[in-house]
Every structure is written in C-alpha cells, then in structure tokens.
Amino acid sequence: MKKTYSEYFGDASAESPGGQKEVGAAASKTEAPAPNVRLSERIPIGMHIKVRNGGGVEESAMTRNVSNRGICFVSSKPFKVDEEVRVELYLDHRRHVGPLPGRIVWAVPDAEAWYHGVAWSKKVDLGLTTPPPVPAPKLADGGDAS
C-alpha cells in the first residue's frame, strides 16, 4: 500500500509546499517509521542547517522540527538511511551549534525535496522547551479578544 508524506506524519501542517509524492513498497528503505513514537519533545522550528556526510557531501537545508534526540530537515539532496552525518544548526547569523554527530534514520521523497530524520549519536541538550501559550489580550470592557 502506498502512503503519502502526510499519511506518515498525520497532519496537514506536515505537507510540503511542493505537494505530496507517494512512497511505495519498492522504496521500503526510505519509508518513515511509526511517526508518533516520541522519546523527546519536538519543537516545530525552521532553522538553517548544514548537513555533511562522511564522503564530504555538504548540503544547506532547513529544519522542520528539532528535539534533544534529533531533527527533521528538508533538503534538495537525498541522504541514505543509516548514513552517518554531522549537522550544524545556525541559531542566527552569528551563532551556531555543532557539528553534532547523527545518523539518518528515515528519508522520504516529496515532489521537489527530501525529508529526513536524524537521530543524534550522543546525548544532546539544546535547552529546547515549547514556549508557554500567549494569553489573549484583554479588551476595555474586561472580556478577552478570542
């Protein structure tokens, strides 16, 4: 049975801007694992990163989410499942973290890009937490704006 990217990840927000591409049984090495098994909170954030494999191939990419156990990123180049990589996370134009060693644990092609999951090879504490929700502003009459 063929599945689309959003069927793996279960929500419309996971769809890529270029649309969805089906992944069939023939691509079993690139199919994603069970998507909702999480050992660490993931933070949805787009960060610029550089991913480098052992062969020297380097790719600038963008994260979809980050956690203390790994990342999901989108790139134009495919990386192989089980491939060892080093990832640099760019927090802004002056600061970066890494290179952090990791392993590609899944790869899914989409219409114009590749989605990859990386598991860190060693414990990483990026100090990530989800910010608390912002309360709705209060109106002059005492009610809220929501």
C-alpha atoms as a PDB file:
ATOM      1  CA  MET A   1       0.000   0.000   0.000  1.00  0.00           C
ATOM      2  CA  LYS A   2       1.338   3.430  -0.957  1.00  0.00           C
ATOM      3  CA  LYS A   3       1.386   6.250   1.573  1.00  0.00           C
ATOM      4  CA  THR A   4       1.836   9.979   1.175  1.00  0.00           C
ATOM      5  CA  TYR A   5       4.050  12.104   3.373  1.00  0.00           C
ATOM      6  CA  SER A   6       1.077  13.480   5.335  1.00  0.00           C
ATOM      7  CA  GLU A   7      -0.235   9.954   5.972  1.00  0.00           C
ATOM      8  CA  TYR A   8       3.068   9.139   7.675  1.00  0.00           C
ATOM      9  CA  PHE A   9       3.050  12.263   9.788  1.00  0.00           C
ATOM     10  CA  GLY A  10      -0.685  12.600  10.299  1.00  0.00           C
ATOM     11  CA  ASP A  11      -1.385  16.301   9.979  1.00  0.00           C
ATOM     12  CA  ALA A  12      -1.997  18.779   7.184  1.00  0.00           C
ATOM     13  CA  SER A  13       0.720  21.101   8.516  1.00  0.00           C
ATOM     14  CA  ALA A  14       3.297  18.420   7.664  1.00  0.00           C
ATOM     15  CA  GLU A  15       2.616  18.758   3.938  1.00  0.00           C
ATOM     16  CA  SER A  16       5.437  20.264   1.950  1.00  0.00           C
ATOM     17  CA  PRO A  17       4.957  23.369  -0.178  1.00  0.00           C
ATOM     18  CA  GLY A  18       5.572  21.376  -3.374  1.00  0.00           C
ATOM     19  CA  GLY A  19       2.767  18.880  -2.770  1.00  0.00           C
ATOM     20  CA  GLN A  20       2.904  15.222  -1.853  1.00  0.00           C
ATOM     21  CA  LYS A  21       4.580  12.280  -3.540  1.00  0.00           C
ATOM     22  CA  GLU A  22       3.557   8.725  -2.855  1.00  0.00           C
ATOM     23  CA  VAL A  23       6.084   6.301  -1.431  1.00  0.00           C
ATOM     24  CA  GLY A  24       5.564   2.655  -2.316  1.00  0.00           C
ATOM     25  CA  ALA A  25       6.716  -0.700  -1.031  1.00  0.00           C
ATOM     26  CA  ALA A  26       9.621  -0.637  -3.503  1.00  0.00           C
ATOM     27  CA  ALA A  27      11.087   2.259  -1.523  1.00  0.00           C
ATOM     28  CA  SER A  28      10.931   0.427   1.809  1.00  0.00           C
ATOM     29  CA  LYS A  29      14.414   1.638   2.832  1.00  0.00           C
ATOM     30  CA  THR A  30      13.153   5.227   2.544  1.00  0.00           C
ATOM     31  CA  GLU A  31       9.841   4.782   4.348  1.00  0.00           C
ATOM     32  CA  ALA A  32       9.388   6.572   7.640  1.00  0.00           C
ATOM     33  CA  PRO A  33       8.945   4.685  10.896  1.00  0.00           C
ATOM     34  CA  ALA A  34       5.845   4.921  13.084  1.00  0.00           C
ATOM     35  CA  PRO A  35       5.515   8.729  13.304  1.00  0.00           C
ATOM     36  CA  ASN A  36       4.041   9.225  16.763  1.00  0.00           C
ATOM     37  CA  VAL A  37       6.598   7.354  18.856  1.00  0.00           C
ATOM     38  CA  ARG A  38       8.442  10.219  20.568  1.00  0.00           C
ATOM     39  CA  LEU A  39      11.008   9.990  23.337  1.00  0.00           C
ATOM     40  CA  SER A  40      11.633  13.739  23.456  1.00  0.00           C
ATOM     41  CA  GLU A  41       9.511  16.809  22.800  1.00  0.00           C
ATOM     42  CA  ARG A  42       9.934  18.136  19.290  1.00  0.00           C
ATOM     43  CA  ILE A  43       9.805  21.854  18.638  1.00  0.00           C
ATOM     44  CA  PRO A  44       8.463  22.929  15.227  1.00  0.00           C
ATOM     45  CA  ILE A  45      11.025  25.459  14.006  1.00  0.00           C
ATOM     46  CA  GLY A  46      12.655  26.360  10.716  1.00  0.00           C
ATOM     47  CA  MET A  47      16.414  26.744  11.203  1.00  0.00           C
ATOM     48  CA  HIS A  48      19.150  26.880   8.617  1.00  0.00           C
ATOM     49  CA  ILE A  49      21.486  23.921   8.933  1.00  0.00           C
ATOM     50  CA  LYS A  50      24.412  22.305   7.162  1.00  0.00           C
ATOM     51  CA  VAL A  51      24.449  18.534   6.861  1.00  0.00           C
ATOM     52  CA  ARG A  52      27.696  16.774   5.948  1.00  0.00           C
ATOM     53  CA  ASN A  53      28.165  13.054   5.347  1.00  0.00           C
ATOM     54  CA  GLY A  54      31.361  11.005   5.673  1.00  0.00           C
ATOM     55  CA  GLY A  55      32.027  11.320   1.945  1.00  0.00           C
ATOM     56  CA  GLY A  56      32.293  15.098   2.182  1.00  0.00           C
ATOM     57  CA  VAL A  57      28.911  15.856   0.591  1.00  0.00           C
ATOM     58  CA  GLU A  58      27.565  19.012   2.245  1.00  0.00           C
ATOM     59  CA  GLU A  59      24.035  20.343   1.936  1.00  0.00           C
ATOM     60  CA  SER A  60      22.434  23.525   3.240  1.00  0.00           C
ATOM     61  CA  ALA A  61      18.953  22.652   4.436  1.00  0.00           C
ATOM     62  CA  MET A  62      16.074  23.763   6.665  1.00  0.00           C
ATOM     63  CA  THR A  63      14.692  22.049   9.755  1.00  0.00           C
ATOM     64  CA  ARG A  64      11.007  21.230  10.198  1.00  0.00           C
ATOM     65  CA  ASN A  65      11.426  20.379  13.869  1.00  0.00           C
ATOM     66  CA  VAL A  66      14.194  19.914  16.410  1.00  0.00           C
ATOM     67  CA  SER A  67      14.470  17.918  19.630  1.00  0.00           C
ATOM     68  CA  ASN A  68      17.151  16.845  22.074  1.00  0.00           C
ATOM     69  CA  ARG A  69      17.125  13.427  20.328  1.00  0.00           C
ATOM     70  CA  GLY A  70      17.253  14.544  16.682  1.00  0.00           C
ATOM     71  CA  ILE A  71      15.845  16.685  13.893  1.00  0.00           C
ATOM     72  CA  CYS A  72      13.634  16.541  10.836  1.00  0.00           C
ATOM     73  CA  PHE A  73      15.015  18.503   7.898  1.00  0.00           C
ATOM     74  CA  VAL A  74      14.157  19.211   4.268  1.00  0.00           C
ATOM     75  CA  SER A  75      16.827  19.215   1.566  1.00  0.00           C
ATOM     76  CA  SER A  76      17.166  19.071  -2.188  1.00  0.00           C
ATOM     77  CA  LYS A  77      19.604  16.126  -1.982  1.00  0.00           C
ATOM     78  CA  PRO A  78      18.825  12.648  -0.667  1.00  0.00           C
ATOM     79  CA  PHE A  79      20.865  11.162   2.166  1.00  0.00           C
ATOM     80  CA  LYS A  80      20.903   7.403   2.703  1.00  0.00           C
ATOM     81  CA  VAL A  81      19.196   5.733   5.654  1.00  0.00           C
ATOM     82  CA  ASP A  82      21.835   4.627   8.237  1.00  0.00           C
ATOM     83  CA  GLU A  83      24.335   7.157   6.844  1.00  0.00           C
ATOM     84  CA  GLU A  84      26.439   8.919   9.491  1.00  0.00           C
ATOM     85  CA  VAL A  85      26.218  12.736   9.241  1.00  0.00           C
ATOM     86  CA  ARG A  86      27.370  15.858  11.058  1.00  0.00           C
ATOM     87  CA  VAL A  87      24.870  18.690  11.480  1.00  0.00           C
ATOM     88  CA  GLU A  88      25.486  22.355  12.233  1.00  0.00           C
ATOM     89  CA  LEU A  89      22.444  24.308  13.473  1.00  0.00           C
ATOM     90  CA  TYR A  90      22.524  28.054  12.763  1.00  0.00           C
ATOM     91  CA  LEU A  91      20.698  29.887  15.546  1.00  0.00           C
ATOM     92  CA  ASP A  92      21.231  33.247  13.839  1.00  0.00           C
ATOM     93  CA  HIS A  93      23.834  34.848  11.559  1.00  0.00           C
ATOM     94  CA  ARG A  94      26.421  34.897  14.384  1.00  0.00           C
ATOM     95  CA  ARG A  95      25.801  31.748  16.438  1.00  0.00           C
ATOM     96  CA  HIS A  96      25.675  28.072  15.604  1.00  0.00           C
ATOM     97  CA  VAL A  97      25.728  24.719  17.399  1.00  0.00           C
ATOM     98  CA  GLY A  98      27.769  21.796  16.170  1.00  0.00           C
ATOM     99  CA  PRO A  99      28.831  19.957  14.312  1.00  0.00           C
ATOM    100  CA  LEU A 100      26.646  17.357  16.025  1.00  0.00           C
ATOM    101  CA  PRO A 101      27.088  13.701  15.042  1.00  0.00           C
ATOM    102  CA  GLY A 102      23.977  11.832  13.975  1.00  0.00           C
ATOM    103  CA  ARG A 103      22.561   9.118  11.763  1.00  0.00           C
ATOM    104  CA  ILE A 104      19.869   9.348   9.078  1.00  0.00           C
ATOM    105  CA  VAL A 105      17.041   7.156  10.418  1.00  0.00           C
ATOM    106  CA  TRP A 106      14.470   7.794   7.676  1.00  0.00           C
ATOM    107  CA  ALA A 107      14.196   9.575   4.328  1.00  0.00           C
ATOM    108  CA  VAL A 108      11.008  10.332   2.382  1.00  0.00           C
ATOM    109  CA  PRO A 109      10.928  11.892  -1.096  1.00  0.00           C
ATOM    110  CA  ASP A 110       8.426  14.629  -1.842  1.00  0.00           C
ATOM    111  CA  ALA A 111       7.585  16.402  -5.106  1.00  0.00           C
ATOM    112  CA  GLU A 112      10.632  18.708  -5.047  1.00  0.00           C
ATOM    113  CA  ALA A 113      12.580  17.799  -1.910  1.00  0.00           C
ATOM    114  CA  TRP A 114      13.640  15.094   0.530  1.00  0.00           C
ATOM    115  CA  TYR A 115      12.509  14.908   4.155  1.00  0.00           C
ATOM    116  CA  HIS A 116      14.992  13.281   6.545  1.00  0.00           C
ATOM    117  CA  GLY A 117      15.037  12.259  10.174  1.00  0.00           C
ATOM    118  CA  VAL A 118      18.322  12.386  12.072  1.00  0.00           C
ATOM    119  CA  ALA A 119      18.906  10.748  15.455  1.00  0.00           C
ATOM    120  CA  TRP A 120      21.775  12.277  17.418  1.00  0.00           C
ATOM    121  CA  SER A 121      24.597   9.779  18.028  1.00  0.00           C
ATOM    122  CA  LYS A 122      25.221  11.099  21.537  1.00  0.00           C
ATOM    123  CA  LYS A 123      23.127  12.864  24.137  1.00  0.00           C
ATOM    124  CA  VAL A 124      22.458  16.455  23.105  1.00  0.00           C
ATOM    125  CA  ASP A 125      20.863  19.106  25.299  1.00  0.00           C
ATOM    126  CA  LEU A 126      19.845  22.027  23.145  1.00  0.00           C
ATOM    127  CA  GLY A 127      17.881  23.576  26.018  1.00  0.00           C
ATOM    128  CA  LEU A 128      14.696  23.319  23.984  1.00  0.00           C
ATOM    129  CA  THR A 129      11.302  23.941  25.500  1.00  0.00           C
ATOM    130  CA  THR A 130       7.987  24.882  23.985  1.00  0.00           C
ATOM    131  CA  PRO A 131       7.131  28.473  24.896  1.00  0.00           C
ATOM    132  CA  PRO A 132       4.022  28.881  27.047  1.00  0.00           C
ATOM    133  CA  PRO A 133       0.854  29.982  25.230  1.00  0.00           C
ATOM    134  CA  VAL A 134       0.350  33.722  24.946  1.00  0.00           C
ATOM    135  CA  PRO A 135      -2.843  34.830  26.726  1.00  0.00           C
ATOM    136  CA  ALA A 136      -5.453  36.656  24.655  1.00  0.00           C
ATOM    137  CA  PRO A 137      -5.331  40.440  25.108  1.00  0.00           C
ATOM    138  CA  LYS A 138      -7.955  41.988  27.404  1.00  0.00           C
ATOM    139  CA  LEU A 139     -10.486  44.378  25.936  1.00  0.00           C
ATOM    140  CA  ALA A 140     -11.559  47.638  27.540  1.00  0.00           C
ATOM    141  CA  ASP A 141     -14.852  46.037  28.687  1.00  0.00           C
ATOM    142  CA  GLY A 142     -12.938  43.335  30.604  1.00  0.00           C
ATOM    143  CA  GLY A 143     -13.542  40.498  28.098  1.00  0.00           C
ATOM    144  CA  ASP A 144     -10.850  38.891  26.030  1.00  0.00           C
ATOM    145  CA  ALA A 145     -10.281  39.223  22.286  1.00  0.00           C
ATOM    146  CA  SER A 146     -10.541  35.490  21.496  1.00  0.00           C
END
